[in-house]
Amino acid sequence: MSTAETQVTIADHAHRDATRPINRVELTGNEAMLPNTIRDVQITQLDHGYVVHVGCQRFAIENASILIAKLTEYVYHPAATEQKWKEGKLF
C-alpha cells in the first residue's frame, strides 16, 4: 500500500468516526459501568472450545451452547453479568 493510499484510508476512517454517533463509553479505570453498556467482545475458536475476551478479561468456554448462553446473558444484562464475574459466580 502506498503512502497516498494509507493517508486516504486513515482520512476515510477518521471522517466516518467523526460523523457516526457515539454509542459507547470508554472506561479508563474503576468507573462504574453504565447499566446497558457492553465492553468489546472478541471470540477465538479453538479445537476444543473458545477463548473469549471481554474488555480486559479473558476466559475459556467449552462449547457453543455455553458460549451463546453467556453472551446472551451479557448482552441483555451487562452490569449484572459483570458483577457475577467479579464475585466468581458466572461459571
Protein backbone atom coordinates (compact mmCIF):
# COMPACT_ATOMS: atom_id res chain seq x y z
CA MET A 1 0.00 0.00 0.00
CA SER A 2 1.41 3.36 -0.99
CA THR A 3 1.65 6.36 1.33
CA ALA A 4 -1.17 8.12 -0.55
CA GLU A 5 -3.44 5.07 -0.17
CA THR A 6 -2.63 4.88 3.54
CA GLN A 7 -3.44 8.56 4.05
CA VAL A 8 -6.77 8.21 2.22
CA THR A 9 -7.67 5.13 4.27
CA ILE A 10 -6.84 6.90 7.54
CA ALA A 11 -8.76 10.01 6.46
CA ASP A 12 -11.78 7.92 5.42
CA HIS A 13 -11.87 6.18 8.81
CA ALA A 14 -11.48 9.47 10.67
CA HIS A 15 -14.35 11.00 8.67
CA ARG A 16 -16.65 8.03 9.29
CA ASP A 17 -15.80 8.08 13.00
CA ALA A 18 -16.47 11.82 13.21
CA THR A 19 -19.89 11.53 11.58
CA ARG A 20 -21.03 8.35 13.36
CA PRO A 21 -22.97 8.82 16.62
CA ILE A 22 -21.12 7.68 19.72
CA ASN A 23 -22.96 4.79 21.37
CA ARG A 24 -20.46 3.54 23.93
CA VAL A 25 -18.44 4.83 26.83
CA GLU A 26 -14.70 4.28 27.13
CA LEU A 27 -13.72 3.41 30.70
CA THR A 28 -10.18 4.09 31.83
CA GLY A 29 -10.16 2.86 35.42
CA ASN A 30 -12.57 1.83 38.14
CA GLU A 31 -15.50 3.92 36.90
CA ALA A 32 -18.95 2.42 37.37
CA MET A 33 -20.25 0.62 34.30
CA LEU A 34 -23.38 2.07 32.74
CA PRO A 35 -26.20 -0.48 33.11
CA ASN A 36 -26.78 -1.05 29.39
CA THR A 37 -23.21 -0.78 28.12
CA ILE A 38 -21.23 -3.80 26.97
CA ARG A 39 -17.49 -3.93 26.52
CA ASP A 40 -15.74 -5.08 23.35
CA VAL A 41 -16.05 -8.84 22.88
CA GLN A 42 -13.60 -10.99 20.91
CA ILE A 43 -14.11 -14.73 20.41
CA THR A 44 -11.39 -17.11 19.21
CA GLN A 45 -12.39 -20.63 18.29
CA LEU A 46 -10.03 -23.41 19.34
CA ASP A 47 -10.05 -27.15 18.57
CA HIS A 48 -11.98 -27.78 21.79
CA GLY A 49 -13.87 -24.65 22.81
CA TYR A 50 -13.42 -20.91 22.70
CA VAL A 51 -11.31 -18.18 24.27
CA VAL A 52 -13.43 -15.11 24.96
CA HIS A 53 -12.05 -11.62 25.63
CA VAL A 54 -14.48 -9.15 27.20
CA GLY A 55 -12.84 -5.80 27.83
CA CYS A 56 -9.55 -6.68 29.54
CA GLN A 57 -10.76 -10.05 30.91
CA ARG A 58 -10.16 -13.40 29.22
CA PHE A 59 -11.72 -16.82 29.85
CA ALA A 60 -12.32 -20.17 28.17
CA ILE A 61 -15.69 -21.69 27.29
CA GLU A 62 -16.10 -25.38 26.48
CA ASN A 63 -18.78 -25.39 23.77
CA ALA A 64 -21.03 -23.25 21.58
CA SER A 65 -24.19 -23.68 23.66
CA ILE A 66 -22.49 -22.30 26.80
CA LEU A 67 -20.91 -19.52 24.74
CA ILE A 68 -24.28 -18.47 23.33
CA ALA A 69 -25.97 -18.62 26.75
CA LYS A 70 -23.29 -16.49 28.44
CA LEU A 71 -23.12 -13.95 25.60
CA THR A 72 -26.91 -13.64 25.59
CA GLU A 73 -26.88 -13.03 29.34
CA TYR A 74 -24.14 -10.42 28.94
CA VAL A 75 -25.84 -8.56 26.07
CA TYR A 76 -29.17 -8.33 27.89
CA HIS A 77 -27.75 -7.68 31.40
CA PRO A 78 -24.14 -6.41 31.13
CA ALA A 79 -23.78 -4.88 34.61
CA ALA A 80 -25.34 -7.89 36.39
CA THR A 81 -23.21 -10.32 34.39
CA GLU A 82 -20.03 -8.38 35.18
CA GLN A 83 -20.98 -8.38 38.87
CA LYS A 84 -21.38 -12.18 38.75
CA TRP A 85 -17.90 -12.39 37.15
CA LYS A 86 -16.37 -10.24 39.89
CA GLU A 87 -18.00 -12.41 42.58
CA GLY A 88 -16.85 -15.64 40.91
CA LYS A 89 -20.45 -16.72 40.25
CA LEU A 90 -20.61 -16.53 36.46
CA PHE A 91 -19.45 -20.11 35.86
